[in-house]
Amino acid sequence: MELSCLLTMILVLLPMGSGSRFEQQQLSGSCESPDMSFVITKKNYLVVDQAWSRYMIPLPPREDRVRLTYRLGHEYAYLGSCAAGLRPYHYRDTTCQAVMVSMGPKEPV
C-alpha cells in the first residue's frame, strides 16, 4: 500500500529546472522501486510515477540544494530539515517548507 511509502532525497536545483537533479535517494516502507520513476521537469516539478499514479511536487525556481521528504499519497511534501514529525518548523538557521502535491491517475501511454 503506497501510503506507507516514504521517499527522501537531496535535490540540486538550478534556475528554471534545467539541469536540476536529485541524489542520495532513499525509499522506505512499501515503496516498489522497480515501479517508480522520478524526473525533474523544466517547469520546476519533481514528478513521481508509480504503476498507476502520478505525484507532482512543486520545487523552488532558484539555485539551491535542499532535502525533500514525501510520504506518497499525502497532501504535502516537505523541503528542508523536517525531522520533527514532517511538519513545518523553524529552528535557528534550519527551516522546513511544506509544498502542496498534485496527484492523480497516471495517464496511459
N, C-alpha and C. Protein backbone atom coordinates (compact mmCIF):
# COMPACT_ATOMS: atom_id res chain seq x y z
N MET A 1 0.85 -1.19 0.00
CA MET A 1 0.00 0.00 0.00
C MET A 1 0.89 1.24 0.00
N GLU A 2 0.64 2.17 -0.91
CA GLU A 2 1.53 3.29 -1.12
C GLU A 2 1.59 4.29 0.04
N LEU A 3 0.59 4.33 0.91
CA LEU A 3 0.58 5.31 1.98
C LEU A 3 1.70 5.12 2.99
N SER A 4 2.31 3.93 3.02
CA SER A 4 3.42 3.73 3.94
C SER A 4 4.76 3.92 3.23
N CYS A 5 4.74 4.40 2.01
CA CYS A 5 5.97 4.61 1.23
C CYS A 5 6.51 6.01 1.51
N LEU A 6 7.72 6.08 2.05
CA LEU A 6 8.35 7.36 2.36
C LEU A 6 9.58 7.50 1.49
N LEU A 7 9.69 8.63 0.79
CA LEU A 7 10.89 8.87 -0.01
C LEU A 7 11.59 10.12 0.48
N THR A 8 12.90 10.05 0.49
CA THR A 8 13.73 11.22 0.82
C THR A 8 14.85 11.29 -0.20
N MET A 9 15.24 12.50 -0.53
CA MET A 9 16.34 12.71 -1.47
C MET A 9 16.89 14.12 -1.31
N ILE A 10 18.09 14.33 -1.79
CA ILE A 10 18.67 15.66 -1.85
C ILE A 10 18.45 16.17 -3.27
N LEU A 11 17.85 17.36 -3.38
CA LEU A 11 17.62 17.99 -4.68
C LEU A 11 18.70 19.04 -4.92
N VAL A 12 19.30 18.99 -6.08
CA VAL A 12 20.24 20.03 -6.51
C VAL A 12 19.51 20.81 -7.58
N LEU A 13 18.99 21.97 -7.20
CA LEU A 13 18.12 22.75 -8.08
C LEU A 13 18.90 23.85 -8.78
N LEU A 14 18.63 24.02 -10.05
CA LEU A 14 19.20 25.09 -10.85
C LEU A 14 18.05 25.93 -11.39
N PRO A 15 18.28 27.21 -11.68
CA PRO A 15 17.19 28.07 -12.15
C PRO A 15 16.47 27.47 -13.36
N MET A 16 15.18 27.59 -13.39
CA MET A 16 14.30 27.15 -14.47
C MET A 16 14.28 25.63 -14.63
N GLY A 17 14.76 24.89 -13.65
CA GLY A 17 14.67 23.44 -13.69
C GLY A 17 15.67 22.76 -14.61
N SER A 18 16.27 23.50 -15.52
CA SER A 18 17.19 22.91 -16.48
C SER A 18 18.47 22.46 -15.78
N GLY A 19 18.77 21.17 -15.88
CA GLY A 19 19.98 20.64 -15.26
C GLY A 19 19.80 20.26 -13.79
N SER A 20 18.62 20.47 -13.23
CA SER A 20 18.37 20.07 -11.85
C SER A 20 18.43 18.55 -11.74
N ARG A 21 18.82 18.06 -10.55
CA ARG A 21 18.92 16.62 -10.38
C ARG A 21 18.66 16.26 -8.92
N PHE A 22 18.56 14.97 -8.65
CA PHE A 22 18.42 14.50 -7.28
C PHE A 22 19.51 13.47 -7.02
N GLU A 23 19.85 13.34 -5.74
CA GLU A 23 20.87 12.38 -5.33
C GLU A 23 20.52 11.85 -3.94
N GLN A 24 21.23 10.84 -3.51
CA GLN A 24 21.04 10.23 -2.19
C GLN A 24 19.58 9.84 -1.96
N GLN A 25 18.95 9.29 -2.98
CA GLN A 25 17.54 8.88 -2.89
C GLN A 25 17.41 7.68 -1.96
N GLN A 26 16.44 7.76 -1.04
CA GLN A 26 16.15 6.65 -0.14
C GLN A 26 14.65 6.39 -0.15
N LEU A 27 14.29 5.12 -0.31
CA LEU A 27 12.89 4.71 -0.27
C LEU A 27 12.72 3.78 0.92
N SER A 28 11.67 4.00 1.70
CA SER A 28 11.42 3.11 2.82
C SER A 28 9.93 2.79 2.89
N GLY A 29 9.59 1.78 3.69
CA GLY A 29 8.20 1.34 3.76
C GLY A 29 7.89 0.44 2.60
N SER A 30 6.71 0.63 2.03
CA SER A 30 6.23 -0.29 0.98
C SER A 30 6.52 0.21 -0.43
N CYS A 31 7.52 1.05 -0.61
CA CYS A 31 7.86 1.55 -1.95
C CYS A 31 8.28 0.40 -2.84
N GLU A 32 7.74 0.36 -4.02
CA GLU A 32 8.14 -0.64 -5.01
C GLU A 32 9.05 0.07 -6.01
N SER A 33 10.34 0.10 -5.74
CA SER A 33 11.26 0.88 -6.55
C SER A 33 11.27 0.52 -8.03
N PRO A 34 11.10 -0.76 -8.45
CA PRO A 34 11.07 -1.01 -9.90
C PRO A 34 9.88 -0.34 -10.59
N ASP A 35 8.80 -0.10 -9.87
CA ASP A 35 7.61 0.51 -10.45
C ASP A 35 7.62 2.03 -10.34
N MET A 36 8.66 2.61 -9.76
CA MET A 36 8.68 4.05 -9.55
C MET A 36 9.73 4.71 -10.44
N SER A 37 9.37 5.92 -10.93
CA SER A 37 10.34 6.71 -11.67
C SER A 37 10.25 8.15 -11.19
N PHE A 38 11.36 8.87 -11.31
CA PHE A 38 11.47 10.24 -10.83
C PHE A 38 12.08 11.10 -11.93
N VAL A 39 11.51 12.29 -12.13
CA VAL A 39 12.06 13.22 -13.12
C VAL A 39 11.80 14.64 -12.63
N ILE A 40 12.75 15.54 -12.85
CA ILE A 40 12.56 16.96 -12.55
C ILE A 40 12.31 17.65 -13.88
N THR A 41 11.16 18.33 -13.98
CA THR A 41 10.78 18.99 -15.23
C THR A 41 11.35 20.40 -15.30
N LYS A 42 11.33 20.97 -16.51
CA LYS A 42 11.79 22.35 -16.69
C LYS A 42 10.84 23.35 -16.05
N LYS A 43 9.64 22.90 -15.68
CA LYS A 43 8.67 23.79 -15.02
C LYS A 43 8.76 23.66 -13.51
N ASN A 44 9.90 23.17 -13.01
CA ASN A 44 10.17 23.08 -11.57
C ASN A 44 9.22 22.17 -10.81
N TYR A 45 9.04 20.97 -11.31
CA TYR A 45 8.27 19.94 -10.61
C TYR A 45 9.12 18.68 -10.52
N LEU A 46 9.01 18.00 -9.39
CA LEU A 46 9.51 16.63 -9.30
C LEU A 46 8.30 15.75 -9.57
N VAL A 47 8.37 14.94 -10.62
CA VAL A 47 7.27 14.06 -10.98
C VAL A 47 7.64 12.65 -10.55
N VAL A 48 6.79 12.05 -9.71
CA VAL A 48 6.99 10.68 -9.24
C VAL A 48 5.88 9.84 -9.86
N ASP A 49 6.28 8.86 -10.66
CA ASP A 49 5.31 7.96 -11.29
C ASP A 49 5.41 6.58 -10.66
N GLN A 50 4.25 6.02 -10.36
CA GLN A 50 4.14 4.62 -9.96
C GLN A 50 3.38 3.91 -11.07
N ALA A 51 3.09 2.66 -10.89
CA ALA A 51 2.40 1.90 -11.93
C ALA A 51 1.11 2.59 -12.37
N TRP A 52 0.31 3.09 -11.41
CA TRP A 52 -1.00 3.67 -11.75
C TRP A 52 -1.17 5.11 -11.32
N SER A 53 -0.22 5.68 -10.58
CA SER A 53 -0.39 7.01 -10.01
C SER A 53 0.75 7.94 -10.38
N ARG A 54 0.44 9.24 -10.38
CA ARG A 54 1.44 10.28 -10.63
C ARG A 54 1.33 11.34 -9.52
N TYR A 55 2.49 11.75 -9.00
CA TYR A 55 2.57 12.77 -7.96
C TYR A 55 3.46 13.89 -8.49
N MET A 56 2.96 15.13 -8.44
CA MET A 56 3.71 16.28 -8.94
C MET A 56 4.01 17.22 -7.77
N ILE A 57 5.30 17.35 -7.45
CA ILE A 57 5.74 18.13 -6.30
C ILE A 57 6.40 19.41 -6.80
N PRO A 58 5.83 20.59 -6.50
CA PRO A 58 6.43 21.84 -6.95
C PRO A 58 7.75 22.12 -6.21
N LEU A 59 8.73 22.59 -6.96
CA LEU A 59 10.05 22.89 -6.41
C LEU A 59 10.35 24.38 -6.54
N PRO A 60 11.17 24.92 -5.66
CA PRO A 60 11.50 26.35 -5.76
C PRO A 60 12.30 26.64 -7.03
N PRO A 61 11.94 27.71 -7.76
CA PRO A 61 12.64 28.05 -9.01
C PRO A 61 13.90 28.87 -8.74
N ARG A 62 14.81 28.32 -7.95
CA ARG A 62 16.04 29.03 -7.61
C ARG A 62 17.16 28.02 -7.48
N GLU A 63 18.37 28.52 -7.49
CA GLU A 63 19.52 27.64 -7.28
C GLU A 63 19.57 27.28 -5.80
N ASP A 64 19.60 25.99 -5.53
CA ASP A 64 19.50 25.55 -4.14
C ASP A 64 19.94 24.09 -4.03
N ARG A 65 20.25 23.69 -2.83
CA ARG A 65 20.48 22.28 -2.50
C ARG A 65 19.63 22.03 -1.27
N VAL A 66 18.61 21.19 -1.42
CA VAL A 66 17.61 21.05 -0.36
C VAL A 66 17.19 19.59 -0.24
N ARG A 67 16.82 19.21 0.97
CA ARG A 67 16.33 17.86 1.22
C ARG A 67 14.82 17.82 1.01
N LEU A 68 14.34 16.79 0.34
CA LEU A 68 12.90 16.60 0.11
C LEU A 68 12.47 15.34 0.86
N THR A 69 11.35 15.43 1.57
CA THR A 69 10.75 14.28 2.23
C THR A 69 9.29 14.23 1.82
N TYR A 70 8.84 13.06 1.37
CA TYR A 70 7.44 12.93 0.95
C TYR A 70 6.93 11.52 1.22
N ARG A 71 5.77 11.43 1.87
CA ARG A 71 5.07 10.16 2.07
C ARG A 71 4.01 10.08 0.99
N LEU A 72 4.16 9.12 0.08
CA LEU A 72 3.27 9.02 -1.08
C LEU A 72 1.80 8.98 -0.65
N GLY A 73 1.00 9.75 -1.39
CA GLY A 73 -0.42 9.80 -1.13
C GLY A 73 -0.83 10.91 -0.18
N HIS A 74 0.14 11.60 0.42
CA HIS A 74 -0.20 12.69 1.34
C HIS A 74 -0.29 14.01 0.59
N GLU A 75 -0.95 14.97 1.20
CA GLU A 75 -1.24 16.25 0.56
C GLU A 75 -0.01 17.14 0.42
N TYR A 76 0.96 17.00 1.34
CA TYR A 76 2.12 17.88 1.34
C TYR A 76 3.43 17.09 1.29
N ALA A 77 4.42 17.69 0.63
CA ALA A 77 5.81 17.24 0.69
C ALA A 77 6.56 18.31 1.48
N TYR A 78 7.74 17.97 1.98
CA TYR A 78 8.48 18.88 2.85
C TYR A 78 9.89 19.08 2.33
N LEU A 79 10.28 20.35 2.22
CA LEU A 79 11.61 20.73 1.76
C LEU A 79 12.39 21.29 2.95
N GLY A 80 13.62 20.87 3.10
CA GLY A 80 14.46 21.37 4.19
C GLY A 80 14.62 20.32 5.27
N SER A 81 15.02 20.76 6.44
CA SER A 81 15.23 19.85 7.57
C SER A 81 13.93 19.72 8.34
N CYS A 82 13.19 18.67 8.05
CA CYS A 82 11.84 18.50 8.58
C CYS A 82 11.74 17.26 9.46
N ALA A 83 12.72 17.05 10.32
CA ALA A 83 12.76 15.83 11.12
C ALA A 83 11.68 15.77 12.18
N ALA A 84 11.17 16.90 12.60
CA ALA A 84 10.20 16.92 13.70
C ALA A 84 8.80 16.57 13.22
N GLY A 85 8.57 15.32 12.91
CA GLY A 85 7.23 14.86 12.54
C GLY A 85 6.73 15.32 11.20
N LEU A 86 7.63 15.70 10.31
CA LEU A 86 7.24 16.18 8.97
C LEU A 86 6.25 17.34 9.04
N ARG A 87 6.51 18.27 9.90
CA ARG A 87 5.68 19.48 10.00
C ARG A 87 6.58 20.70 9.85
N PRO A 88 6.10 21.77 9.21
CA PRO A 88 6.94 22.97 9.07
C PRO A 88 7.31 23.53 10.44
N TYR A 89 8.57 23.85 10.59
CA TYR A 89 9.03 24.47 11.83
C TYR A 89 10.29 25.27 11.54
N HIS A 90 10.65 26.14 12.46
CA HIS A 90 11.86 26.95 12.32
C HIS A 90 12.71 26.74 13.55
N TYR A 91 13.99 26.44 13.35
CA TYR A 91 14.91 26.26 14.46
C TYR A 91 16.27 26.80 14.03
N ARG A 92 16.67 27.87 14.64
CA ARG A 92 17.92 28.56 14.28
C ARG A 92 17.92 28.85 12.79
N ASP A 93 18.94 28.37 12.06
CA ASP A 93 19.04 28.63 10.62
C ASP A 93 18.40 27.54 9.77
N THR A 94 17.79 26.56 10.40
CA THR A 94 17.21 25.44 9.67
C THR A 94 15.72 25.68 9.50
N THR A 95 15.23 25.52 8.27
CA THR A 95 13.81 25.75 8.02
C THR A 95 13.20 24.54 7.33
N CYS A 96 11.90 24.48 7.40
CA CYS A 96 11.14 23.43 6.74
C CYS A 96 9.98 24.09 6.00
N GLN A 97 9.82 23.75 4.74
CA GLN A 97 8.76 24.34 3.93
C GLN A 97 7.84 23.23 3.42
N ALA A 98 6.55 23.38 3.63
CA ALA A 98 5.56 22.44 3.10
C ALA A 98 5.12 22.91 1.72
N VAL A 99 5.04 21.98 0.77
CA VAL A 99 4.54 22.31 -0.57
C VAL A 99 3.41 21.35 -0.92
N MET A 100 2.34 21.88 -1.51
CA MET A 100 1.18 21.06 -1.84
C MET A 100 1.46 20.20 -3.06
N VAL A 101 1.09 18.93 -2.98
CA VAL A 101 1.36 17.96 -4.04
C VAL A 101 0.08 17.74 -4.86
N SER A 102 0.23 17.75 -6.18
CA SER A 102 -0.87 17.36 -7.07
C SER A 102 -0.72 15.88 -7.35
N MET A 103 -1.83 15.15 -7.28
CA MET A 103 -1.76 13.71 -7.53
C MET A 103 -2.98 13.25 -8.30
N GLY A 104 -2.82 12.14 -8.98
CA GLY A 104 -3.93 11.59 -9.72
C GLY A 104 -3.49 10.35 -10.47
N PRO A 105 -4.40 9.81 -11.27
CA PRO A 105 -4.04 8.60 -12.03
C PRO A 105 -3.02 8.94 -13.12
N LYS A 106 -2.14 7.99 -13.36
CA LYS A 106 -1.16 8.15 -14.42
C LYS A 106 -1.84 7.92 -15.75
N GLU A 107 -1.64 8.84 -16.69
CA GLU A 107 -2.30 8.71 -17.99
C GLU A 107 -1.65 7.59 -18.78
N PRO A 108 -2.45 6.79 -19.48
CA PRO A 108 -1.89 5.69 -20.27
C PRO A 108 -1.02 6.22 -21.41
N VAL A 109 0.00 5.46 -21.74
CA VAL A 109 0.91 5.88 -22.82
C VAL A 109 0.35 5.48 -24.16
